[in-house]
C-alpha atoms as a PDB file:
ATOM      1  CA  MET A   1      65.550-110.624  -5.129  1.00  0.00           C
ATOM      2  CA  SER A   2      61.684-109.266  -4.628  1.00  0.00           C
ATOM      3  CA  GLU A   3      61.359-108.091  -0.935  1.00  0.00           C
ATOM      4  CA  LEU A   4      57.948-109.010  -0.536  1.00  0.00           C
ATOM      5  CA  PHE A   5      57.758-112.290  -2.131  1.00  0.00           C
ATOM      6  CA  PRO A   6      57.675-115.519  -1.905  1.00  0.00           C
ATOM      7  CA  ALA A   7      54.587-115.075   0.263  1.00  0.00           C
ATOM      8  CA  ARG A   8      53.508-118.039   2.958  1.00  0.00           C
ATOM      9  CA  THR A   9      50.300-118.835   1.001  1.00  0.00           C
ATOM     10  CA  ILE A  10      50.091-117.726  -2.670  1.00  0.00           C
ATOM     11  CA  ALA A  11      47.116-118.346  -4.803  1.00  0.00           C
ATOM     12  CA  LEU A  12      47.993-118.045  -9.149  1.00  0.00           C
ATOM     13  CA  GLU A  13      45.018-117.714 -11.941  1.00  0.00           C
ATOM     14  CA  TYR A  14      45.949-118.548 -15.174  1.00  0.00           C
ATOM     15  CA  ILE A  15      43.375-116.112 -17.298  1.00  0.00           C
ATOM     16  CA  SER A  16      43.155-116.397 -21.327  1.00  0.00           C
ATOM     17  CA  LEU A  17      41.801-113.635 -23.441  1.00  0.00           C
ATOM     18  CA  ASP A  18      39.877-113.844 -26.383  1.00  0.00           C
ATOM     19  CA  ASP A  19      41.342-112.722 -29.948  1.00  0.00           C
ATOM     20  CA  ALA A  20      39.070-110.103 -30.400  1.00  0.00           C
ATOM     21  CA  LEU A  21      39.468-108.447 -27.039  1.00  0.00           C
ATOM     22  CA  PRO A  22      41.977-105.883 -27.398  1.00  0.00           C
ATOM     23  CA  GLU A  23      44.636-106.031 -24.103  1.00  0.00           C
ATOM     24  CA  SER A  24      44.425-102.460 -23.689  1.00  0.00           C
ATOM     25  CA  GLU A  25      41.068-103.092 -22.761  1.00  0.00           C
ATOM     26  CA  PHE A  26      41.266-106.307 -20.684  1.00  0.00           C
ATOM     27  CA  LEU A  27      43.951-103.860 -18.500  1.00  0.00           C
ATOM     28  CA  ARG A  28      42.411-101.098 -17.944  1.00  0.00           C
ATOM     29  CA  TRP A  29      39.168-103.092 -16.691  1.00  0.00           C
ATOM     30  CA  HIS A  30      41.988-105.029 -14.193  1.00  0.00           C
ATOM     31  CA  GLN A  31      43.270-101.606 -13.211  1.00  0.00           C
ATOM     32  CA  ALA A  32      40.253 -99.689 -12.364  1.00  0.00           C
ATOM     33  CA  ILE A  33      37.528-102.311 -11.712  1.00  0.00           C
ATOM     34  CA  HIS A  34      39.236-106.108 -10.858  1.00  0.00           C
ATOM     35  CA  LEU A  35      42.053-104.942  -8.771  1.00  0.00           C
ATOM     36  CA  SER A  36      40.178-102.415  -6.735  1.00  0.00           C
ATOM     37  CA  ASP A  37      37.297-105.050  -6.097  1.00  0.00           C
ATOM     38  CA  LEU A  38      39.903-107.708  -5.158  1.00  0.00           C
ATOM     39  CA  LEU A  39      41.542-105.324  -2.542  1.00  0.00           C
ATOM     40  CA  LYS A  40      38.696-104.682  -0.647  1.00  0.00           C
ATOM     41  CA  THR A  41      37.906-108.225   0.024  1.00  0.00           C
ATOM     42  CA  ASP A  42      39.710-109.558   3.239  1.00  0.00           C
ATOM     43  CA  GLY A  43      42.068-112.231   3.409  1.00  0.00           C
ATOM     44  CA  ILE A  44      43.664-110.765  -0.365  1.00  0.00           C
ATOM     45  CA  ALA A  45      46.706-108.799   0.453  1.00  0.00           C
ATOM     46  CA  ALA A  46      47.908-107.600  -2.622  1.00  0.00           C
ATOM     47  CA  VAL A  47      47.673-108.955  -6.432  1.00  0.00           C
ATOM     48  CA  THR A  48      50.187-108.715  -8.986  1.00  0.00           C
ATOM     49  CA  LEU A  49      49.669-109.028 -12.698  1.00  0.00           C
ATOM     50  CA  TYR A  50      52.259-110.745 -15.000  1.00  0.00           C
ATOM     51  CA  ARG A  51      52.052-111.288 -19.071  1.00  0.00           C
ATOM     52  CA  ASN A  52      53.258-114.628 -20.696  1.00  0.00           C
ATOM     53  CA  LEU A  53      56.685-114.275 -22.268  1.00  0.00           C
ATOM     54  CA  LYS A  54      55.355-115.683 -25.672  1.00  0.00           C
ATOM     55  CA  GLU A  55      53.561-113.845 -27.994  1.00  0.00           C
ATOM     56  CA  SER A  56      52.184-117.316 -29.817  1.00  0.00           C
ATOM     57  CA  LEU A  57      49.724-119.294 -27.756  1.00  0.00           C
ATOM     58  CA  LYS A  58      48.355-122.252 -28.051  1.00  0.00           C
ATOM     59  CA  GLU A  59      44.964-122.980 -27.585  1.00  0.00           C
ATOM     60  CA  GLY A  60      44.259-123.363 -23.968  1.00  0.00           C
ATOM     61  CA  GLN A  61      47.723-121.494 -22.861  1.00  0.00           C
ATOM     62  CA  PRO A  62      47.167-118.687 -20.227  1.00  0.00           C
ATOM     63  CA  ARG A  63      47.841-114.492 -21.913  1.00  0.00           C
ATOM     64  CA  TYR A  64      48.502-113.504 -18.317  1.00  0.00           C
ATOM     65  CA  LEU A  65      49.345-115.206 -14.363  1.00  0.00           C
ATOM     66  CA  ALA A  66      47.288-113.490 -12.040  1.00  0.00           C
ATOM     67  CA  ILE A  67      49.581-114.097  -8.285  1.00  0.00           C
ATOM     68  CA  TYR A  68      47.865-113.464  -5.146  1.00  0.00           C
ATOM     69  CA  ARG A  69      49.764-112.730  -1.997  1.00  0.00           C
ATOM     70  CA  LEU A  70      46.848-114.149   0.431  1.00  0.00           C
ATOM     71  CA  ASP A  71      46.619-113.395   4.502  1.00  0.00           C
ATOM     72  CA  ALA A  72      43.964-115.729   5.443  1.00  0.00           C
ATOM     73  CA  ASP A  73      42.505-117.782   7.672  1.00  0.00           C
ATOM     74  CA  ASP A  74      41.174-120.690   5.340  1.00  0.00           C
ATOM     75  CA  PRO A  75      43.296-119.895   1.901  1.00  0.00           C
ATOM     76  CA  LEU A  76      41.281-122.425   0.448  1.00  0.00           C
ATOM     77  CA  LEU A  77      38.119-120.208   0.947  1.00  0.00           C
ATOM     78  CA  MET A  78      40.112-117.450  -1.295  1.00  0.00           C
ATOM     79  CA  ARG A  79      39.975-120.028  -4.614  1.00  0.00           C
ATOM     80  CA  GLN A  80      36.070-120.018  -4.315  1.00  0.00           C
ATOM     81  CA  THR A  81      36.187-116.078  -4.254  1.00  0.00           C
ATOM     82  CA  ILE A  82      38.463-115.546  -6.606  1.00  0.00           C
ATOM     83  CA  THR A  83      36.474-117.987  -9.105  1.00  0.00           C
ATOM     84  CA  GLN A  84      33.441-116.154  -8.201  1.00  0.00           C
ATOM     85  CA  LYS A  85      34.183-112.520  -9.574  1.00  0.00           C
ATOM     86  CA  ARG A  86      32.384-111.751 -12.642  1.00  0.00           C
ATOM     87  CA  LEU A  87      34.734-111.349 -15.598  1.00  0.00           C
ATOM     88  CA  PRO A  88      34.180-109.211 -18.743  1.00  0.00           C
ATOM     89  CA  ASP A  89      33.311-110.884 -22.244  1.00  0.00           C
ATOM     90  CA  GLY A  90      36.467-112.396 -23.867  1.00  0.00           C
ATOM     91  CA  VAL A  91      38.438-113.143 -20.430  1.00  0.00           C
ATOM     92  CA  LYS A  92      38.354-116.544 -19.051  1.00  0.00           C
ATOM     93  CA  SER A  93      39.926-117.871 -15.941  1.00  0.00           C
ATOM     94  CA  LEU A  94      41.428-121.068 -16.688  1.00  0.00           C
ATOM     95  CA  HIS A  95      42.607-122.112 -13.236  1.00  0.00           C
ATOM     96  CA  VAL A  96      43.226-121.062  -9.690  1.00  0.00           C
ATOM     97  CA  GLY A  97      45.443-122.701  -7.418  1.00  0.00           C
ATOM     98  CA  ILE A  98      46.266-122.095  -3.747  1.00  0.00           C
ATOM     99  CA  TRP A  99      50.008-122.907  -2.537  1.00  0.00           C
ATOM    100  CA  ASP A 100      51.664-123.337   0.563  1.00  0.00           C
ATOM    101  CA  LEU A 101      55.598-122.182   0.871  1.00  0.00           C
ATOM    102  CA  LEU A 102      57.680-125.079   1.258  1.00  0.00           C
ATOM    103  CA  ALA A 103      61.472-123.463   1.146  1.00  0.00           C
ATOM    104  CA  MET A 104      63.580-120.939  -0.664  1.00  0.00           C
ATOM    105  CA  ARG A 105      66.757-120.465  -1.974  1.00  0.00           C
ATOM    106  CA  THR A 106      68.679-117.475  -3.097  1.00  0.00           C
ATOM    107  CA  SER A 107      71.087-117.201  -6.064  1.00  0.00           C
ATOM    108  CA  VAL A 108      75.048-116.801  -4.859  1.00  0.00           C
ATOM    109  CA  ARG A 109      76.054-115.401  -7.910  1.00  0.00           C
ATOM    110  CA  GLU A 110      76.559-112.119  -8.694  1.00  0.00           C
ATOM    111  CA  PRO A 111      73.145-110.378 -10.483  1.00  0.00           C
ATOM    112  CA  LEU A 112      73.633-109.490 -13.722  1.00  0.00           C
ATOM    113  CA  ARG A 113      72.423-106.191 -13.130  1.00  0.00           C
ATOM    114  CA  PRO A 114      71.062-103.831 -11.017  1.00  0.00           C
ATOM    115  CA  GLN A 115      68.288-105.066  -9.328  1.00  0.00           C
ATOM    116  CA  ALA A 116      64.630-103.917 -10.633  1.00  0.00           C
ATOM    117  CA  GLY A 117      63.524-102.952  -7.519  1.00  0.00           C
ATOM    118  CA  LEU A 118      59.823-102.616  -8.334  1.00  0.00           C
ATOM    119  CA  PRO A 119      57.730-100.316  -6.403  1.00  0.00           C
ATOM    120  CA  ASP A 120      54.863-103.223  -5.206  1.00  0.00           C
ATOM    121  CA  GLY A 121      58.259-105.274  -4.535  1.00  0.00           C
ATOM    122  CA  MET A 122      57.695-108.406  -6.527  1.00  0.00           C
ATOM    123  CA  PRO A 123      60.296-109.916  -9.405  1.00  0.00           C
ATOM    124  CA  ALA A 124      60.274-108.396 -12.793  1.00  0.00           C
ATOM    125  CA  ALA A 125      59.992-111.710 -14.574  1.00  0.00           C
ATOM    126  CA  LEU A 126      58.642-115.243 -13.103  1.00  0.00           C
ATOM    127  CA  LEU A 127      59.238-119.053 -14.554  1.00  0.00           C
ATOM    128  CA  ALA A 128      56.245-121.273 -13.285  1.00  0.00           C
ATOM    129  CA  VAL A 129      57.152-124.738 -12.799  1.00  0.00           C
ATOM    130  CA  PRO A 130      54.287-126.880 -11.696  1.00  0.00           C
ATOM    131  CA  THR A 131      55.369-130.578 -11.419  1.00  0.00           C
ATOM    132  CA  ILE A 132      53.994-133.856 -10.135  1.00  0.00           C
ATOM    133  CA  CYS A 133      56.220-136.324  -8.625  1.00  0.00           C
ATOM    134  CA  THR A 134      54.994-139.885 -10.506  1.00  0.00           C
ATOM    135  CA  ASP A 135      55.681-142.152  -8.118  1.00  0.00           C
ATOM    136  CA  PRO A 136      54.338-141.810  -4.692  1.00  0.00           C
ATOM    137  CA  SER A 137      56.493-143.799  -3.024  1.00  0.00           C
ATOM    138  CA  ARG A 138      59.299-141.511  -3.753  1.00  0.00           C
ATOM    139  CA  GLU A 139      57.932-138.388  -2.802  1.00  0.00           C
ATOM    140  CA  LYS A 140      60.500-137.750   0.358  1.00  0.00           C
ATOM    141  CA  GLU A 141      63.635-138.311  -2.322  1.00  0.00           C
ATOM    142  CA  PHE A 142      61.963-135.931  -4.858  1.00  0.00           C
ATOM    143  CA  ASN A 143      61.342-133.646  -2.428  1.00  0.00           C
ATOM    144  CA  ASP A 144      65.029-133.614  -0.807  1.00  0.00           C
ATOM    145  CA  TRP A 145      66.426-133.514  -4.859  1.00  0.00           C
ATOM    146  CA  TYR A 146      64.382-130.425  -5.111  1.00  0.00           C
ATOM    147  CA  LEU A 147      65.472-128.615  -2.809  1.00  0.00           C
ATOM    148  CA  TYR A 148      69.208-130.007  -2.586  1.00  0.00           C
ATOM    149  CA  THR A 149      70.129-130.672  -5.779  1.00  0.00           C
ATOM    150  CA  HIS A 150      67.648-128.928  -8.412  1.00  0.00           C
ATOM    151  CA  PHE A 151      67.766-125.552  -6.586  1.00  0.00           C
ATOM    152  CA  HIS A 152      71.579-125.454  -6.269  1.00  0.00           C
ATOM    153  CA  ASP A 153      71.988-126.255  -9.994  1.00  0.00           C
ATOM    154  CA  ILE A 154      68.746-124.012 -11.124  1.00  0.00           C
ATOM    155  CA  LEU A 155      70.605-121.027  -9.576  1.00  0.00           C
ATOM    156  CA  GLU A 156      73.765-121.611 -11.301  1.00  0.00           C
ATOM    157  CA  THR A 157      72.135-120.024 -13.922  1.00  0.00           C
ATOM    158  CA  PRO A 158      73.071-115.901 -14.667  1.00  0.00           C
ATOM    159  CA  GLY A 159      69.552-113.608 -14.749  1.00  0.00           C
ATOM    160  CA  LEU A 160      68.348-116.264 -12.009  1.00  0.00           C
ATOM    161  CA  THR A 161      68.018-114.150  -8.032  1.00  0.00           C
ATOM    162  CA  GLN A 162      65.294-116.493  -6.281  1.00  0.00           C
ATOM    163  CA  ALA A 163      63.891-120.010  -6.127  1.00  0.00           C
ATOM    164  CA  HIS A 164      60.837-120.825  -4.175  1.00  0.00           C
ATOM    165  CA  ARG A 165      58.630-124.211  -3.366  1.00  0.00           C
ATOM    166  CA  TYR A 166      55.274-124.417  -2.782  1.00  0.00           C
ATOM    167  CA  ARG A 167      53.010-127.282  -2.315  1.00  0.00           C
ATOM    168  CA  ASN A 168      49.150-127.386  -3.581  1.00  0.00           C
ATOM    169  CA  LEU A 169      46.831-127.009  -0.345  1.00  0.00           C
ATOM    170  CA  ASN A 170      43.740-129.170  -2.727  1.00  0.00           C
ATOM    171  CA  PRO A 171      43.014-131.409  -0.568  1.00  0.00           C
ATOM    172  CA  GLN A 172      41.432-133.277  -3.314  1.00  0.00           C
ATOM    173  CA  PRO A 173      43.757-132.740  -6.796  1.00  0.00           C
ATOM    174  CA  LEU A 174      42.174-133.556 -10.411  1.00  0.00           C
ATOM    175  CA  ALA A 175      44.118-136.347 -11.879  1.00  0.00           C
ATOM    176  CA  ASN A 176      46.737-133.826 -13.765  1.00  0.00           C
ATOM    177  CA  GLU A 177      46.679-131.062 -10.950  1.00  0.00           C
ATOM    178  CA  ALA A 178      50.116-130.133 -10.267  1.00  0.00           C
ATOM    179  CA  THR A 179      51.223-131.322  -6.289  1.00  0.00           C
ATOM    180  CA  TYR A 180      54.045-128.869  -6.259  1.00  0.00           C
ATOM    181  CA  LEU A 181      54.734-125.706  -7.934  1.00  0.00           C
ATOM    182  CA  ALA A 182      58.417-124.241  -8.105  1.00  0.00           C
ATOM    183  CA  LEU A 183      58.738-120.191  -8.805  1.00  0.00           C
ATOM    184  CA  TYR A 184      61.830-118.612 -10.169  1.00  0.00           C
ATOM    185  CA  GLU A 185      62.709-115.149  -9.875  1.00  0.00           C
ATOM    186  CA  ILE A 186      64.176-113.667 -13.223  1.00  0.00           C
ATOM    187  CA  ASP A 187      66.299-110.232 -12.921  1.00  0.00           C
ATOM    188  CA  ALA A 188      67.564-109.528 -16.899  1.00  0.00           C
ATOM    189  CA  GLU A 189      67.041-107.561 -19.779  1.00  0.00           C
ATOM    190  CA  ASP A 190      65.830-110.961 -21.784  1.00  0.00           C
ATOM    191  CA  PRO A 191      64.323-113.157 -19.325  1.00  0.00           C
ATOM    192  CA  ALA A 192      63.000-114.999 -22.077  1.00  0.00           C
ATOM    193  CA  ALA A 193      66.703-115.980 -23.102  1.00  0.00           C
ATOM    194  CA  VAL A 194      67.453-117.410 -19.295  1.00  0.00           C
ATOM    195  CA  VAL A 195      64.825-119.801 -19.792  1.00  0.00           C
ATOM    196  CA  ARG A 196      66.307-120.718 -23.124  1.00  0.00           C
ATOM    197  CA  GLN A 197      69.461-121.320 -21.109  1.00  0.00           C
ATOM    198  CA  ILE A 198      68.219-123.074 -18.182  1.00  0.00           C
ATOM    199  CA  GLU A 199      66.628-125.728 -21.099  1.00  0.00           C
ATOM    200  CA  GLN A 200      69.033-126.084 -22.520  1.00  0.00           C
ATOM    201  CA  ASP A 201      71.421-126.493 -19.358  1.00  0.00           C
ATOM    202  CA  ASP A 202      69.145-129.990 -18.352  1.00  0.00           C
ATOM    203  CA  ARG A 203      69.611-130.814 -21.731  1.00  0.00           C
ATOM    204  CA  THR A 204      73.268-130.781 -22.241  1.00  0.00           C
ATOM    205  CA  ILE A 205      74.341-130.535 -18.296  1.00  0.00           C
ATOM    206  CA  ARG A 206      72.068-131.841 -16.294  1.00  0.00           C
ATOM    207  CA  ILE A 207      70.211-135.024 -17.570  1.00  0.00           C
ATOM    208  CA  PRO A 208      73.892-136.325 -19.060  1.00  0.00           C
ATOM    209  CA  GLN A 209      75.284-135.975 -15.762  1.00  0.00           C
ATOM    210  CA  GLY A 210      72.556-137.763 -14.111  1.00  0.00           C
ATOM    211  CA  ARG A 211      71.224-134.977 -11.890  1.00  0.00           C
ATOM    212  CA  MET A 212      67.690-134.645 -13.019  1.00  0.00           C
ATOM    213  CA  ILE A 213      65.034-137.004 -11.184  1.00  0.00           C
ATOM    214  CA  ASP A 214      62.899-139.563 -13.643  1.00  0.00           C
ATOM    215  CA  CYS A 215      59.765-139.771 -11.445  1.00  0.00           C
ATOM    216  CA  ILE A 216      59.195-135.769 -12.393  1.00  0.00           C
ATOM    217  CA  ARG A 217      56.283-134.937 -14.932  1.00  0.00           C
ATOM    218  CA  LEU A 218      55.464-131.357 -15.886  1.00  0.00           C
ATOM    219  CA  ALA A 219      51.719-130.620 -14.993  1.00  0.00           C
ATOM    220  CA  TRP A 220      49.661-127.963 -17.132  1.00  0.00           C
ATOM    221  CA  GLY A 221      50.698-124.591 -16.303  1.00  0.00           C
ATOM    222  CA  SER A 222      54.499-124.185 -16.973  1.00  0.00           C
ATOM    223  CA  GLY A 223      55.730-120.725 -18.383  1.00  0.00           C
ATOM    224  CA  ALA A 224      57.609-117.820 -18.179  1.00  0.00           C
ATOM    225  CA  PHE A 225      56.219-114.490 -17.114  1.00  0.00           C
ATOM    226  CA  GLN A 226      56.690-110.819 -17.560  1.00  0.00           C
ATOM    227  CA  HIS A 227      56.178-108.241 -14.438  1.00  0.00           C
ATOM    228  CA  VAL A 228      52.620-105.702 -15.573  1.00  0.00           C
ATOM    229  CA  THR A 229      52.992-102.250 -14.481  1.00  0.00           C
ATOM    230  CA  LEU A 230      49.893-101.036 -14.636  1.00  0.00           C
END
């Protein structure tokens, strides 16, 4: 389990790279210039970069996910601060969302391996699941199901250590923008295998047993990401 995460308020920035831009150049820029500038900004306590576990991405899918731990009186102002940062040619910020922590749950399973213990205290890998409740009249049912049923079920998956749930702080979300976000911490030799197990158990166990809810819709931005050590 991570030491400094979840944070009370976070920003998630999804980033894509042009095929012509070597990832090594992007990482050098992020470490030497971008990260230094961001950490001088009041309200941004830390920034951690994660890389999409998928090697082959469709157009519009992010290669990287940057997670900002925020310490600001008005977190929504941080969105403008992040989106106004100048990016080099070939780098595009696809979306920045600001999220406030609702709840967390910890797995009772024995870990698959000694915990990674990364120097920045962040998870070794993350599964991000942005969602929308499709029936506003069932919002309480949706939230109760997530916290008391779904998190319990998901944390039975070997390799998952913690689950966190956030709400979108944007007072006027776009039509298809997620209103909730679930982040699952993964600590395993093969994080992609953990995600495949979750998907398989959804199909073969949770859906047949009626343990899924029918007013949930995945929003853009779902994916699994590996910690990048810079």
